Each structure stands twice: as C-alpha cells, then as structure tokens.
N, C-alpha and C. Protein backbone atom coordinates (compact mmCIF):
# COMPACT_ATOMS: atom_id res chain seq x y z
N MET A 1 185.79 129.41 89.56
CA MET A 1 185.30 128.15 88.56
C MET A 1 183.68 128.43 89.07
N GLU A 2 183.07 128.51 88.52
CA GLU A 2 181.28 128.48 88.59
C GLU A 2 180.89 126.88 88.93
N TYR A 3 180.53 126.66 90.22
CA TYR A 3 180.00 125.48 90.51
C TYR A 3 179.00 124.44 89.53
N SER A 4 177.92 125.44 89.39
CA SER A 4 177.34 124.95 88.26
C SER A 4 177.89 124.24 86.92
N ALA A 5 178.65 124.35 86.52
CA ALA A 5 179.63 123.86 85.22
C ALA A 5 180.43 122.20 85.74
N ALA A 6 180.60 122.44 87.43
CA ALA A 6 180.99 121.24 87.94
C ALA A 6 180.74 119.93 87.41
N ALA A 7 181.06 119.22 86.94
CA ALA A 7 180.11 117.20 86.96
C ALA A 7 180.64 116.83 88.35
N ILE A 8 180.05 116.32 88.69
CA ILE A 8 179.95 115.12 89.45
C ILE A 8 179.65 113.76 89.38
N HIS A 9 180.49 113.09 90.08
CA HIS A 9 181.09 111.86 89.10
C HIS A 9 180.63 110.39 90.51
N PRO A 10 179.65 109.76 89.99
CA PRO A 10 179.18 109.04 91.29
C PRO A 10 180.60 108.00 91.85
N ILE A 11 180.66 107.38 92.66
CA ILE A 11 181.43 106.44 93.40
C ILE A 11 181.67 105.66 92.46
N PRO A 12 182.86 105.07 91.91
CA PRO A 12 182.86 103.93 91.51
C PRO A 12 183.06 102.84 91.97
N GLY A 13 181.86 102.08 91.81
CA GLY A 13 182.51 100.23 92.36
C GLY A 13 183.56 99.73 92.33
N PRO A 14 184.09 99.11 93.00
CA PRO A 14 183.65 98.45 94.15
C PRO A 14 183.66 99.51 96.11
N TRP A 15 183.58 101.08 95.62
CA TRP A 15 183.57 101.69 96.68
C TRP A 15 182.51 102.10 96.84
N TYR A 16 182.31 102.52 98.29
CA TYR A 16 180.81 102.46 98.87
C TYR A 16 180.97 104.18 99.96
N SER A 17 180.04 104.64 100.40
CA SER A 17 180.08 105.28 101.13
C SER A 17 179.80 104.90 102.74
N ILE A 18 180.25 104.88 103.37
CA ILE A 18 180.65 104.23 104.90
C ILE A 18 179.47 105.02 105.72
N PRO A 19 178.58 104.59 105.98
CA PRO A 19 177.52 104.75 106.39
C PRO A 19 177.78 105.58 108.22
N LEU A 20 177.68 106.61 108.38
CA LEU A 20 177.42 107.10 109.79
C LEU A 20 178.00 106.07 111.13
N ASP A 21 176.53 105.41 111.29
CA ASP A 21 176.68 104.53 112.15
C ASP A 21 177.53 103.87 111.83
N GLN A 22 178.43 103.43 111.29
CA GLN A 22 179.45 102.33 110.82
C GLN A 22 180.67 103.53 111.12
N ARG A 23 180.88 104.40 111.13
CA ARG A 23 182.64 105.47 111.06
C ARG A 23 183.07 104.53 112.12
N GLY A 24 182.11 104.91 113.37
CA GLY A 24 182.47 104.91 114.49
C GLY A 24 183.50 103.86 114.97
N SER A 25 183.24 102.73 114.39
CA SER A 25 183.98 100.63 114.17
C SER A 25 185.20 101.02 113.25
N VAL A 26 185.50 101.30 112.35
CA VAL A 26 186.21 101.81 111.59
C VAL A 26 187.29 103.01 112.02
N MET A 27 187.27 104.26 112.16
CA MET A 27 187.70 105.12 113.73
C MET A 27 188.51 103.71 114.48
N GLN A 28 187.97 102.84 115.45
CA GLN A 28 188.49 102.48 116.20
C GLN A 28 189.31 100.92 116.04
N GLN A 29 189.48 100.56 114.46
CA GLN A 29 189.94 100.16 114.12
C GLN A 29 191.43 100.75 113.36
N LEU A 30 191.41 102.10 113.26
CA LEU A 30 192.28 102.99 112.73
C LEU A 30 193.62 103.40 114.14
N GLU A 31 192.34 103.63 115.36
CA GLU A 31 193.36 104.61 116.29
C GLU A 31 194.02 102.52 117.07
N THR A 32 193.39 101.54 116.89
CA THR A 32 194.32 100.62 117.44
C THR A 32 195.92 100.24 116.45
N GLU A 33 196.02 101.40 115.45
CA GLU A 33 197.55 101.03 114.77
C GLU A 33 197.84 102.75 114.82
N LEU A 34 197.73 103.36 115.40
CA LEU A 34 197.69 104.81 115.41
C LEU A 34 198.93 104.70 116.87
N THR A 35 200.41 104.21 116.54
CA THR A 35 201.37 104.34 117.14
C THR A 35 202.17 105.76 116.64
N PRO A 36 202.85 106.03 117.33
CA PRO A 36 203.80 107.29 117.38
C PRO A 36 204.37 107.53 115.78
N ASP A 37 204.69 106.71 115.44
CA ASP A 37 205.25 106.75 114.02
C ASP A 37 204.31 106.38 112.94
N HIS A 38 203.10 106.06 113.08
CA HIS A 38 202.41 105.99 112.04
C HIS A 38 201.57 106.82 111.15
N PRO A 39 201.82 107.45 110.30
CA PRO A 39 201.46 108.29 109.21
C PRO A 39 200.37 109.36 109.44
N LEU A 40 199.43 108.81 109.98
CA LEU A 40 198.11 110.00 110.12
C LEU A 40 198.45 110.02 112.23
N HIS A 41 199.28 109.44 112.80
CA HIS A 41 199.51 109.66 114.20
C HIS A 41 198.91 111.17 114.41
N GLY A 42 198.12 111.83 115.25
CA GLY A 42 197.93 113.65 115.71
C GLY A 42 197.13 114.20 114.51
N PHE A 43 196.79 113.43 113.69
CA PHE A 43 195.64 114.22 112.44
C PHE A 43 194.11 113.43 112.94
N PRO A 44 193.04 114.40 113.04
CA PRO A 44 191.93 114.20 112.96
C PRO A 44 191.87 113.89 111.78
N VAL A 45 191.03 112.81 111.31
CA VAL A 45 190.34 112.13 110.40
C VAL A 45 189.45 111.61 109.86
N THR A 46 188.43 111.64 109.12
CA THR A 46 187.31 110.90 109.42
C THR A 46 187.15 110.15 108.02
N ALA A 47 186.77 108.88 108.83
CA ALA A 47 186.05 107.58 107.36
C ALA A 47 185.69 108.05 106.40
N VAL A 48 185.79 107.81 105.48
CA VAL A 48 184.31 108.42 104.42
C VAL A 48 183.83 107.11 103.38
N LEU A 49 185.35 106.08 102.35
CA LEU A 49 184.61 105.69 101.76
C LEU A 49 185.30 104.49 102.09
N GLY A 50 184.66 103.17 101.44
CA GLY A 50 185.39 101.92 101.97
C GLY A 50 185.65 101.15 101.34
N CYS A 51 185.76 100.24 100.43
CA CYS A 51 186.36 99.19 99.34
C CYS A 51 185.83 98.20 99.49
N GLU A 52 185.14 97.59 99.07
CA GLU A 52 184.10 95.87 99.13
C GLU A 52 185.22 94.87 98.56
N GLY A 53 185.93 94.83 97.79
CA GLY A 53 186.99 94.03 97.07
C GLY A 53 188.36 94.26 97.65
N CYS A 54 188.77 95.00 98.75
CA CYS A 54 189.85 94.88 99.25
C CYS A 54 189.95 95.50 101.20
N GLU A 55 188.73 95.92 101.19
CA GLU A 55 188.30 96.73 102.58
C GLU A 55 189.13 97.81 102.95
N ASP A 56 190.18 98.72 101.63
CA ASP A 56 190.68 99.73 101.79
C ASP A 56 189.91 100.76 102.61
N VAL A 57 190.17 101.99 103.20
CA VAL A 57 189.42 103.04 103.29
C VAL A 57 190.32 103.90 102.89
N ILE A 58 188.82 105.37 102.44
CA ILE A 58 188.93 106.31 102.48
C ILE A 58 188.99 107.09 103.64
N PHE A 59 190.21 108.24 104.19
CA PHE A 59 189.85 108.55 105.09
C PHE A 59 189.98 110.57 104.43
N SER A 60 189.66 111.49 104.83
CA SER A 60 189.20 112.86 104.89
C SER A 60 190.12 113.30 106.21
N VAL A 61 191.56 114.25 105.66
CA VAL A 61 192.35 114.70 106.88
C VAL A 61 191.56 116.59 107.04
N GLU A 62 190.84 116.33 108.31
CA GLU A 62 190.02 117.22 108.52
C GLU A 62 190.98 118.53 108.58
N THR A 63 191.51 118.73 108.91
CA THR A 63 192.38 120.08 108.68
C THR A 63 192.97 120.33 107.66
N CYS A 64 192.77 119.61 106.35
CA CYS A 64 192.85 120.52 104.79
C CYS A 64 191.95 119.52 104.05
N PRO A 65 190.63 119.80 104.20
CA PRO A 65 189.68 119.11 103.30
C PRO A 65 189.45 118.16 102.16
N LEU A 66 190.47 118.93 101.48
CA LEU A 66 190.98 118.13 100.13
C LEU A 66 192.17 117.23 99.85
N TYR A 67 192.74 116.62 101.49
CA TYR A 67 193.70 115.79 101.28
C TYR A 67 192.95 114.60 101.74
N TRP A 68 193.58 113.83 101.40
CA TRP A 68 192.37 112.04 100.92
C TRP A 68 193.42 111.38 101.44
N VAL A 69 193.57 110.05 102.03
CA VAL A 69 194.37 108.94 102.01
C VAL A 69 193.69 108.01 102.14
N ARG A 70 194.45 107.04 101.61
CA ARG A 70 193.80 105.18 101.33
C ARG A 70 194.32 104.48 102.54
N VAL A 71 194.20 103.97 103.35
CA VAL A 71 194.64 102.90 104.60
C VAL A 71 194.14 101.50 103.87
N HIS A 72 195.40 101.24 104.21
CA HIS A 72 195.27 99.39 103.74
C HIS A 72 195.41 98.56 104.73
N PHE A 73 194.48 98.34 106.06
CA PHE A 73 194.40 97.57 107.04
C PHE A 73 194.42 96.03 106.54
N THR A 74 195.61 95.31 107.70
CA THR A 74 195.63 93.98 107.74
C THR A 74 195.19 93.56 108.86
N ARG A 75 194.26 92.28 109.07
CA ARG A 75 193.75 91.80 110.43
C ARG A 75 194.70 91.34 111.42
N VAL A 76 196.17 91.64 110.57
CA VAL A 76 196.98 91.06 112.07
C VAL A 76 197.28 92.32 113.13
N GLU A 77 197.03 92.13 114.20
CA GLU A 77 197.20 92.26 115.42
C GLU A 77 198.34 93.41 115.50
N PRO A 78 198.35 94.57 115.95
CA PRO A 78 200.00 95.52 116.41
C PRO A 78 200.69 95.07 117.47
N SER A 79 201.76 94.48 116.71
CA SER A 79 202.89 93.95 118.02
C SER A 79 203.54 95.16 118.51
N GLU A 80 204.77 94.99 119.47
CA GLU A 80 205.67 95.66 119.71
C GLU A 80 205.32 96.96 119.38
N GLY A 81 204.17 97.61 119.16
CA GLY A 81 204.28 99.51 119.22
C GLY A 81 204.15 99.38 117.61
N GLN A 82 204.23 98.64 116.79
CA GLN A 82 204.35 98.90 114.99
C GLN A 82 203.31 98.41 114.45
N HIS A 83 203.15 99.42 113.37
CA HIS A 83 201.33 99.35 113.05
C HIS A 83 201.29 98.46 111.74
N GLN A 84 200.62 98.21 111.40
CA GLN A 84 200.13 97.02 110.35
C GLN A 84 199.47 97.68 109.26
N SER A 85 199.01 98.93 109.15
CA SER A 85 198.74 99.33 107.88
C SER A 85 199.48 100.18 107.25
N THR A 86 199.16 100.22 105.80
CA THR A 86 199.91 100.64 104.57
C THR A 86 199.04 102.04 104.58
N VAL A 87 199.79 103.79 104.01
CA VAL A 87 198.58 105.11 104.22
C VAL A 87 199.57 105.30 102.76
N GLU A 88 198.25 105.99 102.15
CA GLU A 88 199.15 106.32 100.66
C GLU A 88 198.17 107.55 100.38
N ARG A 89 198.55 108.92 99.71
CA ARG A 89 197.90 109.82 99.43
C ARG A 89 197.27 109.39 98.13
N VAL A 90 196.05 109.88 97.94
CA VAL A 90 195.10 109.69 97.22
C VAL A 90 195.77 111.02 96.32
N ALA A 91 195.43 110.84 95.06
CA ALA A 91 195.57 111.98 94.30
C ALA A 91 194.48 112.25 93.95
N GLY A 92 194.07 113.60 93.43
CA GLY A 92 192.85 114.09 92.65
C GLY A 92 192.68 113.84 91.42
N PRO A 93 191.74 113.97 90.62
CA PRO A 93 190.59 114.02 91.44
C PRO A 93 190.06 112.87 91.77
N LEU A 94 189.61 112.51 92.68
CA LEU A 94 189.22 111.28 94.23
C LEU A 94 188.17 110.64 92.81
N TYR A 95 187.60 110.71 92.48
CA TYR A 95 186.86 110.07 91.99
C TYR A 95 187.38 108.89 90.59
N ARG A 96 188.67 109.50 90.21
CA ARG A 96 189.73 108.92 88.65
C ARG A 96 190.48 107.94 89.85
N SER A 97 191.18 108.24 91.25
CA SER A 97 191.44 107.62 91.42
C SER A 97 191.21 106.36 92.46
N LEU A 98 190.12 106.49 92.34
CA LEU A 98 189.18 105.73 93.02
C LEU A 98 188.86 104.37 91.71
N ALA A 99 188.71 104.90 90.12
CA ALA A 99 188.30 103.89 89.83
C ALA A 99 189.58 103.60 89.20
N ASP A 100 190.46 104.46 89.50
CA ASP A 100 191.55 103.04 88.97
C ASP A 100 192.64 102.69 90.16
N HIS A 101 192.00 102.09 91.23
CA HIS A 101 192.47 101.49 92.31
C HIS A 101 192.09 100.12 92.16
N GLN A 102 193.73 99.31 92.08
CA GLN A 102 193.76 98.26 91.69
C GLN A 102 193.81 97.24 93.15
N HIS A 103 193.15 96.22 93.08
CA HIS A 103 193.01 95.68 94.12
C HIS A 103 194.19 94.03 94.57
C-alpha cells in the first residue's frame, strides 16, 4: 500500500489525545487494577486516547502496535484482588471504532 493514498481521519469527539504529562497518572490508575487475572497483566501498554463522555481510555499494546484495547475504569477501589475495570479489544480501523463508541 502506498502511504500517499492513505486517508487520515481526525479523532472523533468526545475522544482526545492524552497529553504526555497526563499519561503517567492514567498508567497509575491502570496499575492499581492489574491483578494477576486482569487481561492486561504482564503486557506493556501506553495510554493514548481518552473519552470525555465516559472516561474510557484507549491503550496501545506495545508488543503489537496494531492491537488497541478500550479500558473502562470505575471509581471503585479494587477489593480482595479483583479488578474493577473492563477491557475490550478495539476493532480496526481505529477511527471508525471511536466514532461508533456508545456511552
């Protein structure tokens, strides 16, 4: 595929790019929920996009750059070693999945 023919799509609202200086706090939130049974436990990930409408976060799985997951955090602290977030793989193309996202 020739890249000059590729279409560039903007990030659809209410999604936004997480600023570099805020990614650390998002990663800390995820780490509080990474129990051994959490689907992302052991995978290096990067927080990339956030949703203003529901506070979901899109993470890139660093070992596979085309693998994206959406994590829905809850405001409840994990108890008894059980994670509170839900994880869902995001289908490509990414911009279409973001545009189709329901709150």
